[in-house]
Amino acid sequence: MREYAVVMLTAALVTFLTTPVVRKLAVRFRMMAAPRERDVHSIPTPRGGGVAMYLGVVTAVLVASRLPALQRTFDDTQTYAVLVGGGVICALGVLDDKWGLDALTKLTGQIAAAGLMGLLGVQLSILFLPVADIGTLTLGPDVGLPLTILLTVLVVNALNFIDGLDGLAAGVSAIAALAFFAYSYHLGLVGYDDVASAPALITAVLAGACLGFLPHNFSPARIFMGDSGSMLVGLMLSAAAVTATGGVDPQSFDSAATLLPLTLPLLVPVAVLFIPFIDLVMAVVRRTRQGRSPFAPDKMHLHHRLLSIGHSHRRAVLVMYFWAALLSFGAVALSITGGTAELLVAIAVLLVVGLVVVLSPRARRAAREARAAELAAQRQRSRADHPTARAVRGRGSETRASRAAARNARKTDAPEVVR
């Protein structure tokens, strides 16, 4: 565990320290996100933060390769496959952040990066279906590789879809990576996998990179991760899901007499990535019913809906964090405990409480008031920072100074009165 803490901290520090450099380069090369109708930011903001995140990931993996306890992680090519695929998709994202690629070009690049990662060793090999007379399926490359590409493309676009509020994608990705790490590390502890495994290392460095980027990206964001970051995070989360759940046979678990523990290896990635997936599915269905392209942008994502009912920017992000953490760590806790009734009840109660807090009329009224106060404060700051306002303030101070100087001059020039 100490070695994983070291690599996680390394990824966080390198990402945190290199993000300001990437930000300056993004401004210099005009990689700016101009405000659009569906956006919530009001001023052009640099993007391309995924470059700093990738630098953090690469540095942390290099550090891990020098730690004796993690040497077994590099016995296969999975970790290197993630680095290669991540580099390709990050470069694709940089091009999109700079010039704005069309949807078909981005999709082709995503398939190429996912296919390259799969050919280098990250692909589904085992799939458990909780259906009678089927059970565990052993997948060959002709089936495992296309399924891996499909899963990767879905996760990449799901993460891209939720990247609409400051700190949302980075925070949700950090939560998902930490949940996957807990799941992978537990499998190693109980003997179903090695503690020093590729999925544990991938998720540890990804969590560190997201946490290191978050201080620069949380509201108000000074830089966006852009497509270079959201697609990189999506690819690494997909690789974590494939390597963590596709290489362990659920029927080898001790609690094979019950159905829930057997299905948890299939449900854990779904629960961890539920928030991005549900947003993706809702967007595709909504746009298709309207006769539009599934890739056509709109302002009806989950985070936009939270803003529309009155929640402030930060409150909406924190609500999404809560739901992501509840589903992710709830599923992992179920996999560790075997699905106890007490834990199921606790998760259900927390979910109900979260829905009441978010959707109750009183909460919505309080959220609207907080949102109105936040918008008023933002307008006041914008007026104060506007060049015209600064000029008016400057002229006002000069006028006051000139009046004071004139009064002093009159007092000096006035004749003395002899008493």
Protein backbone atom coordinates (compact mmCIF):
# COMPACT_ATOMS: atom_id res chain seq x y z
CA MET A 1 0.00 0.00 0.00
CA ARG A 2 2.87 2.42 0.73
CA GLU A 3 4.21 1.98 -2.78
CA TYR A 4 0.83 2.82 -4.28
CA ALA A 5 0.65 5.89 -2.04
CA VAL A 6 4.06 6.96 -3.39
CA VAL A 7 3.06 6.64 -7.05
CA MET A 8 -0.30 8.34 -6.40
CA LEU A 9 1.45 11.25 -4.69
CA THR A 10 3.99 11.43 -7.52
CA ALA A 11 1.26 11.68 -10.15
CA ALA A 12 -0.54 14.34 -8.11
CA LEU A 13 2.56 16.48 -7.54
CA VAL A 14 3.80 16.31 -11.13
CA THR A 15 0.34 17.14 -12.48
CA PHE A 16 -0.13 19.98 -10.00
CA LEU A 17 3.28 21.53 -10.77
CA THR A 18 3.12 21.17 -14.56
CA THR A 19 -0.44 22.44 -14.99
CA PRO A 20 0.54 26.16 -14.67
CA VAL A 21 3.21 25.62 -17.35
CA VAL A 22 0.67 23.94 -19.64
CA ARG A 23 -1.73 26.79 -18.96
CA LYS A 24 0.81 29.39 -20.10
CA LEU A 25 1.55 27.38 -23.24
CA ALA A 26 -2.18 27.04 -23.95
CA VAL A 27 -2.61 30.81 -23.73
CA ARG A 28 0.42 31.37 -25.94
CA PHE A 29 -0.77 28.95 -28.62
CA ARG A 30 -4.39 30.16 -28.31
CA MET A 31 -5.86 26.88 -27.08
CA MET A 32 -8.75 28.74 -25.48
CA ALA A 33 -12.33 27.68 -24.77
CA ALA A 34 -14.47 30.62 -25.83
CA PRO A 35 -17.86 30.87 -24.06
CA ARG A 36 -20.69 29.24 -26.01
CA GLU A 37 -24.42 29.20 -25.42
CA ARG A 38 -24.33 25.85 -23.62
CA ASP A 39 -21.26 26.70 -21.52
CA VAL A 40 -21.33 28.01 -17.97
CA HIS A 41 -18.05 29.95 -18.05
CA SER A 42 -18.21 33.60 -19.08
CA ILE A 43 -14.60 34.34 -20.12
CA PRO A 44 -12.20 32.51 -22.48
CA THR A 45 -10.35 29.83 -20.51
CA PRO A 46 -7.25 27.85 -21.52
CA ARG A 47 -7.64 24.14 -22.12
CA GLY A 48 -5.28 21.26 -22.69
CA GLY A 49 -4.85 20.26 -19.06
CA GLY A 50 -4.78 16.62 -20.15
CA VAL A 51 -1.15 17.14 -21.17
CA ALA A 52 -0.19 17.83 -17.54
CA MET A 53 -2.23 14.84 -16.40
CA TYR A 54 -0.47 12.57 -18.90
CA LEU A 55 2.92 13.83 -17.73
CA GLY A 56 1.89 12.97 -14.17
CA VAL A 57 0.79 9.49 -15.21
CA VAL A 58 4.01 8.75 -17.14
CA THR A 59 6.23 10.01 -14.31
CA ALA A 60 4.35 7.96 -11.72
CA VAL A 61 4.64 4.80 -13.84
CA LEU A 62 8.38 5.38 -14.21
CA VAL A 63 8.67 5.73 -10.43
CA ALA A 64 6.64 2.53 -9.97
CA SER A 65 9.01 0.66 -12.30
CA ARG A 66 11.84 1.44 -9.86
CA LEU A 67 9.99 0.21 -6.75
CA PRO A 68 10.81 -3.45 -5.95
CA ALA A 69 7.35 -4.19 -4.53
CA LEU A 70 5.69 -3.18 -7.82
CA GLN A 71 8.07 -4.95 -10.21
CA ARG A 72 5.53 -7.72 -10.84
CA THR A 73 3.17 -5.13 -12.29
CA PHE A 74 5.39 -4.94 -15.37
CA ASP A 75 5.56 -8.69 -16.01
CA ASP A 76 3.01 -8.24 -18.79
CA THR A 77 2.47 -5.42 -21.27
CA GLN A 78 -0.81 -4.04 -19.90
CA THR A 79 0.67 -1.00 -18.14
CA TYR A 80 2.75 -0.06 -21.18
CA ALA A 81 -0.28 -0.59 -23.41
CA VAL A 82 -2.23 1.97 -21.38
CA LEU A 83 0.64 4.47 -21.66
CA VAL A 84 0.83 4.05 -25.44
CA GLY A 85 -2.93 4.24 -25.95
CA GLY A 86 -3.15 7.17 -23.54
CA GLY A 87 -0.43 9.04 -25.41
CA VAL A 88 -2.22 8.58 -28.74
CA ILE A 89 -5.60 9.70 -27.44
CA CYS A 90 -4.08 12.62 -25.52
CA ALA A 91 -2.37 13.83 -28.70
CA LEU A 92 -5.71 13.52 -30.51
CA GLY A 93 -7.29 15.61 -27.77
CA VAL A 94 -4.61 18.30 -28.09
CA LEU A 95 -5.42 18.61 -31.80
CA ASP A 96 -9.09 18.93 -30.96
CA ASP A 97 -8.42 21.49 -28.24
CA LYS A 98 -6.47 23.59 -30.73
CA TRP A 99 -8.44 23.27 -33.97
CA GLY A 100 -11.74 21.60 -33.06
CA LEU A 101 -11.94 18.28 -34.92
CA ASP A 102 -15.22 16.98 -36.30
CA ALA A 103 -17.03 14.12 -34.55
CA LEU A 104 -16.13 11.47 -37.17
CA THR A 105 -12.40 12.27 -36.97
CA LYS A 106 -12.45 12.09 -33.18
CA LEU A 107 -14.35 8.81 -33.25
CA THR A 108 -11.83 7.33 -35.68
CA GLY A 109 -8.96 8.42 -33.45
CA GLN A 110 -10.65 6.96 -30.38
CA ILE A 111 -11.10 3.61 -32.11
CA ALA A 112 -7.45 3.66 -33.21
CA ALA A 113 -6.18 4.40 -29.69
CA ALA A 114 -8.45 1.77 -28.13
CA GLY A 115 -7.46 -0.80 -30.78
CA LEU A 116 -3.77 -0.12 -30.25
CA MET A 117 -4.18 -0.53 -26.49
CA GLY A 118 -6.07 -3.79 -27.05
CA LEU A 119 -3.48 -5.18 -29.46
CA LEU A 120 -0.75 -4.46 -26.91
CA GLY A 121 -2.49 -6.55 -24.24
CA VAL A 122 -5.46 -4.77 -22.66
CA GLN A 123 -8.55 -6.66 -23.77
CA LEU A 124 -11.38 -8.66 -22.26
CA SER A 125 -10.50 -12.33 -21.84
CA ILE A 126 -13.21 -13.47 -19.41
CA LEU A 127 -16.85 -12.43 -19.25
CA PHE A 128 -19.29 -13.77 -16.69
CA LEU A 129 -23.00 -13.80 -17.54
CA PRO A 130 -25.37 -14.62 -14.66
CA VAL A 131 -27.51 -16.83 -16.89
CA ALA A 132 -28.18 -20.51 -16.42
CA ASP A 133 -26.03 -22.85 -18.51
CA ILE A 134 -23.73 -20.00 -19.60
CA GLY A 135 -21.68 -18.74 -16.64
CA THR A 136 -18.12 -17.79 -17.56
CA LEU A 137 -17.25 -17.15 -21.18
CA THR A 138 -13.65 -17.30 -22.35
CA LEU A 139 -13.18 -14.70 -25.08
CA GLY A 140 -10.66 -14.96 -27.87
CA PRO A 141 -9.03 -11.95 -29.54
CA ASP A 142 -11.63 -11.96 -32.31
CA VAL A 143 -14.36 -11.17 -29.74
CA GLY A 144 -12.42 -9.68 -26.84
CA LEU A 145 -10.73 -6.96 -28.90
CA PRO A 146 -13.92 -5.52 -30.49
CA LEU A 147 -15.68 -5.58 -27.11
CA THR A 148 -12.73 -3.76 -25.53
CA ILE A 149 -12.78 -1.12 -28.29
CA LEU A 150 -16.54 -0.66 -27.87
CA LEU A 151 -16.28 -0.31 -24.09
CA THR A 152 -13.39 2.15 -24.39
CA VAL A 153 -15.17 4.36 -26.91
CA LEU A 154 -18.30 4.40 -24.73
CA VAL A 155 -16.39 5.36 -21.59
CA VAL A 156 -14.33 7.99 -23.42
CA ASN A 157 -17.44 9.72 -24.77
CA ALA A 158 -19.29 9.36 -21.47
CA LEU A 159 -16.49 11.21 -19.66
CA ASN A 160 -16.43 13.78 -22.44
CA PHE A 161 -20.17 14.38 -22.01
CA ILE A 162 -20.00 15.14 -18.28
CA ASP A 163 -17.05 17.53 -18.68
CA GLY A 164 -19.33 20.56 -18.52
CA LEU A 165 -18.75 22.11 -15.08
CA ASP A 166 -15.56 23.21 -13.37
CA GLY A 167 -14.02 20.25 -11.58
CA LEU A 168 -16.82 17.81 -12.46
CA ALA A 169 -14.99 15.38 -14.77
CA ALA A 170 -11.77 15.47 -12.70
CA GLY A 171 -13.60 14.83 -9.42
CA VAL A 172 -15.88 12.08 -10.74
CA SER A 173 -12.91 10.41 -12.44
CA ALA A 174 -10.87 10.55 -9.22
CA ILE A 175 -13.76 8.92 -7.33
CA ALA A 176 -14.12 6.22 -9.99
CA ALA A 177 -10.37 5.55 -10.03
CA LEU A 178 -10.19 5.27 -6.24
CA ALA A 179 -13.15 2.86 -6.25
CA PHE A 180 -11.51 0.70 -8.92
CA PHE A 181 -8.26 0.78 -6.94
CA ALA A 182 -10.03 -0.42 -3.78
CA TYR A 183 -11.69 -3.23 -5.75
CA SER A 184 -8.44 -4.32 -7.45
CA TYR A 185 -6.39 -4.13 -4.27
CA HIS A 186 -8.99 -6.20 -2.38
CA LEU A 187 -8.87 -8.91 -5.05
CA GLY A 188 -5.12 -9.09 -4.53
CA LEU A 189 -5.41 -9.22 -0.75
CA VAL A 190 -7.84 -12.14 -0.75
CA GLY A 191 -5.80 -14.10 -3.29
CA TYR A 192 -7.85 -13.80 -6.48
CA ASP A 193 -5.19 -11.61 -8.08
CA ASP A 194 -1.75 -10.19 -7.30
CA VAL A 195 -1.60 -7.12 -5.04
CA ALA A 196 0.97 -5.67 -7.41
CA SER A 197 -1.29 -5.70 -10.46
CA ALA A 198 -1.78 -3.55 -13.54
CA PRO A 199 -5.33 -2.40 -12.65
CA ALA A 200 -4.26 -1.28 -9.18
CA LEU A 201 -1.32 0.69 -10.60
CA ILE A 202 -3.37 2.22 -13.44
CA THR A 203 -6.09 3.43 -11.09
CA ALA A 204 -3.61 4.70 -8.47
CA VAL A 205 -1.75 6.92 -10.94
CA LEU A 206 -5.01 8.07 -12.56
CA ALA A 207 -6.48 9.06 -9.19
CA GLY A 208 -3.30 10.97 -8.38
CA ALA A 209 -3.34 12.82 -11.72
CA CYS A 210 -7.00 13.82 -11.29
CA LEU A 211 -6.46 15.00 -7.71
CA GLY A 212 -3.38 16.99 -8.74
CA PHE A 213 -5.31 18.69 -11.54
CA LEU A 214 -8.44 19.40 -9.48
CA PRO A 215 -7.10 22.48 -7.54
CA HIS A 216 -6.53 24.25 -10.87
CA ASN A 217 -9.86 23.11 -12.32
CA PHE A 218 -12.34 23.50 -9.45
CA SER A 219 -14.70 26.46 -9.67
CA PRO A 220 -13.63 29.02 -10.74
CA ALA A 221 -11.42 27.05 -13.12
CA ARG A 222 -8.15 28.54 -14.34
CA ILE A 223 -7.72 25.80 -16.95
CA PHE A 224 -9.89 23.07 -18.47
CA MET A 225 -8.71 19.52 -19.05
CA GLY A 226 -10.18 19.69 -22.56
CA ASP A 227 -10.61 16.65 -24.78
CA SER A 228 -6.95 15.80 -24.18
CA GLY A 229 -7.85 15.17 -20.55
CA SER A 230 -11.38 13.78 -20.72
CA MET A 231 -10.48 11.23 -23.42
CA LEU A 232 -7.29 10.23 -21.58
CA VAL A 233 -9.25 9.68 -18.36
CA GLY A 234 -11.94 7.72 -20.20
CA LEU A 235 -9.41 5.42 -21.82
CA MET A 236 -7.64 4.75 -18.52
CA LEU A 237 -10.91 4.06 -16.69
CA SER A 238 -11.91 1.65 -19.44
CA ALA A 239 -8.53 -0.08 -19.14
CA ALA A 240 -9.06 -0.30 -15.37
CA ALA A 241 -12.48 -1.90 -15.86
CA VAL A 242 -11.12 -4.39 -18.39
CA THR A 243 -8.03 -5.39 -16.41
CA ALA A 244 -9.76 -5.42 -13.00
CA THR A 245 -12.84 -7.43 -13.94
CA GLY A 246 -11.91 -9.22 -17.17
CA GLY A 247 -9.08 -11.28 -15.81
CA VAL A 248 -10.72 -12.88 -12.75
CA ASP A 249 -13.25 -15.70 -12.96
CA PRO A 250 -16.15 -14.86 -10.59
CA GLN A 251 -16.98 -18.57 -10.22
CA SER A 252 -13.73 -19.00 -8.32
CA PHE A 253 -15.06 -16.81 -5.48
CA ASP A 254 -15.70 -18.47 -2.13
CA SER A 255 -19.31 -17.30 -2.03
CA ALA A 256 -20.25 -18.92 -5.32
CA ALA A 257 -23.48 -20.25 -3.84
CA THR A 258 -25.19 -16.87 -4.10
CA LEU A 259 -25.87 -14.87 -7.22
CA LEU A 260 -24.90 -11.39 -6.00
CA PRO A 261 -21.17 -12.00 -5.43
CA LEU A 262 -20.96 -13.65 -8.84
CA THR A 263 -22.52 -10.69 -10.62
CA LEU A 264 -20.59 -8.02 -8.73
CA PRO A 265 -17.48 -8.21 -10.97
CA LEU A 266 -19.83 -7.34 -13.83
CA LEU A 267 -21.75 -4.70 -11.84
CA VAL A 268 -18.79 -2.90 -10.26
CA PRO A 269 -17.65 -1.12 -13.46
CA VAL A 270 -21.26 -0.31 -14.31
CA ALA A 271 -21.86 1.20 -10.86
CA VAL A 272 -18.55 3.08 -10.83
CA LEU A 273 -19.24 4.60 -14.25
CA PHE A 274 -23.00 4.87 -13.80
CA ILE A 275 -23.15 8.70 -13.73
CA PRO A 276 -21.24 9.18 -17.02
CA PHE A 277 -23.06 6.26 -18.66
CA ILE A 278 -26.58 7.41 -17.72
CA ASP A 279 -25.79 10.91 -18.97
CA LEU A 280 -24.52 9.46 -22.26
CA VAL A 281 -27.58 7.25 -22.75
CA MET A 282 -30.01 10.07 -21.93
CA ALA A 283 -28.23 12.42 -24.33
CA VAL A 284 -28.27 9.91 -27.21
CA VAL A 285 -31.95 9.06 -26.68
CA ARG A 286 -32.94 12.72 -26.32
CA ARG A 287 -31.11 13.88 -29.43
CA THR A 288 -32.24 10.91 -31.53
CA ARG A 289 -35.90 11.51 -30.63
CA GLN A 290 -35.46 15.13 -31.72
CA GLY A 291 -34.08 14.01 -35.07
CA ARG A 292 -30.61 15.34 -34.28
CA SER A 293 -27.17 13.75 -34.33
CA PRO A 294 -26.18 11.97 -31.08
CA PHE A 295 -23.04 14.13 -31.11
CA ALA A 296 -24.96 17.42 -31.47
CA PRO A 297 -24.33 19.52 -28.32
CA ASP A 298 -27.12 20.75 -26.08
CA LYS A 299 -27.67 22.07 -22.58
CA MET A 300 -29.69 19.20 -21.10
CA HIS A 301 -27.01 17.11 -19.38
CA LEU A 302 -27.43 16.09 -15.74
CA HIS A 303 -25.26 18.94 -14.48
CA HIS A 304 -27.20 21.44 -16.59
CA ARG A 305 -30.45 20.15 -15.08
CA LEU A 306 -29.07 20.69 -11.58
CA LEU A 307 -28.25 24.27 -12.51
CA SER A 308 -31.68 24.79 -14.05
CA ILE A 309 -33.51 23.84 -10.84
CA GLY A 310 -31.50 26.41 -8.93
CA HIS A 311 -28.31 24.79 -7.66
CA SER A 312 -25.14 26.84 -7.75
CA HIS A 313 -22.15 25.78 -9.79
CA ARG A 314 -20.25 24.32 -6.85
CA ARG A 315 -23.34 22.74 -5.29
CA ALA A 316 -24.19 20.96 -8.55
CA VAL A 317 -20.65 19.59 -8.75
CA LEU A 318 -20.74 18.40 -5.13
CA VAL A 319 -24.10 16.70 -5.72
CA MET A 320 -22.61 14.80 -8.66
CA TYR A 321 -19.63 13.88 -6.47
CA PHE A 322 -22.00 12.49 -3.83
CA TRP A 323 -23.91 10.31 -6.28
CA ALA A 324 -20.73 9.05 -7.94
CA ALA A 325 -19.12 8.20 -4.59
CA LEU A 326 -22.25 6.51 -3.25
CA LEU A 327 -22.67 4.26 -6.27
CA SER A 328 -18.96 3.56 -6.77
CA PHE A 329 -17.91 2.79 -3.23
CA GLY A 330 -21.27 1.18 -2.47
CA ALA A 331 -20.69 -1.36 -5.24
CA VAL A 332 -17.12 -1.97 -4.07
CA ALA A 333 -18.29 -2.41 -0.47
CA LEU A 334 -20.86 -4.94 -1.64
CA SER A 335 -18.16 -6.86 -3.52
CA ILE A 336 -15.95 -6.93 -0.42
CA THR A 337 -18.66 -7.90 2.07
CA GLY A 338 -20.55 -10.23 -0.26
CA GLY A 339 -23.70 -8.11 -0.24
CA THR A 340 -24.94 -7.95 3.35
CA ALA A 341 -28.48 -6.76 3.96
CA GLU A 342 -27.33 -4.02 6.36
CA LEU A 343 -25.07 -2.51 3.70
CA LEU A 344 -27.80 -2.62 1.08
CA VAL A 345 -30.16 -0.80 3.43
CA ALA A 346 -27.51 1.83 4.24
CA ILE A 347 -26.85 2.50 0.56
CA ALA A 348 -30.58 2.77 -0.15
CA VAL A 349 -31.07 5.21 2.75
CA LEU A 350 -28.17 7.39 1.60
CA LEU A 351 -29.53 7.41 -1.93
CA VAL A 352 -32.99 8.49 -0.72
CA VAL A 353 -31.47 11.19 1.50
CA GLY A 354 -29.44 12.47 -1.42
CA LEU A 355 -32.51 12.65 -3.66
CA VAL A 356 -34.52 14.46 -0.97
CA VAL A 357 -31.75 16.98 -0.38
CA VAL A 358 -31.45 17.71 -4.08
CA LEU A 359 -35.09 17.57 -5.24
CA SER A 360 -37.23 18.65 -2.27
CA PRO A 361 -39.04 22.02 -2.71
CA ARG A 362 -37.28 23.51 0.31
CA ALA A 363 -33.88 22.44 -0.96
CA ARG A 364 -34.64 23.75 -4.44
CA ARG A 365 -35.79 27.08 -3.01
CA ALA A 366 -32.61 27.38 -0.93
CA ALA A 367 -30.56 26.38 -3.96
CA ARG A 368 -32.24 29.07 -6.09
CA GLU A 369 -31.52 31.71 -3.46
CA ALA A 370 -27.88 30.62 -3.22
CA ARG A 371 -27.65 30.59 -7.01
CA ALA A 372 -29.08 34.11 -7.24
CA ALA A 373 -26.61 35.36 -4.63
CA GLU A 374 -23.73 33.71 -6.51
CA LEU A 375 -24.79 35.26 -9.83
CA ALA A 376 -25.16 38.70 -8.20
CA ALA A 377 -21.67 38.41 -6.73
CA GLN A 378 -20.29 37.35 -10.11
CA ARG A 379 -21.95 40.33 -11.85
CA GLN A 380 -20.56 42.67 -9.22
CA ARG A 381 -17.05 41.26 -9.67
CA SER A 382 -17.39 41.49 -13.45
CA ARG A 383 -18.43 45.16 -13.24
CA ALA A 384 -15.58 45.87 -10.84
CA ASP A 385 -13.03 44.21 -13.13
CA HIS A 386 -14.35 45.78 -16.34
CA PRO A 387 -11.88 48.23 -17.94
CA THR A 388 -14.50 51.01 -18.04
CA ALA A 389 -15.19 50.60 -14.34
CA ARG A 390 -11.48 50.72 -13.56
CA ALA A 391 -11.11 53.85 -15.66
CA VAL A 392 -14.05 55.51 -13.90
CA ARG A 393 -12.56 54.62 -10.53
CA GLY A 394 -9.23 56.00 -11.68
CA ARG A 395 -10.78 59.27 -12.87
CA GLY A 396 -12.71 59.55 -9.63
CA SER A 397 -9.59 59.17 -7.52
CA GLU A 398 -7.75 61.67 -9.72
CA THR A 399 -10.62 64.14 -9.35
CA ARG A 400 -10.63 63.81 -5.56
CA ALA A 401 -6.84 64.24 -5.49
CA SER A 402 -7.01 67.36 -7.68
CA ARG A 403 -9.72 68.92 -5.50
CA ALA A 404 -7.65 68.29 -2.38
CA ALA A 405 -4.58 69.85 -4.03
CA ALA A 406 -6.58 72.94 -5.04
CA ARG A 407 -7.84 73.40 -1.49
CA ASN A 408 -4.31 73.18 -0.14
CA ALA A 409 -3.11 75.70 -2.73
CA ARG A 410 -5.84 78.16 -1.77
CA LYS A 411 -4.91 77.87 1.87
CA THR A 412 -1.23 78.50 1.05
CA ASP A 413 -1.89 81.53 -1.18
CA ALA A 414 -4.39 83.18 1.16
CA PRO A 415 -3.06 86.27 3.07
CA GLU A 416 -2.40 85.92 6.74
CA VAL A 417 -4.97 87.46 9.03
CA VAL A 418 -3.37 89.55 11.80
CA ARG A 419 -5.30 89.16 14.98
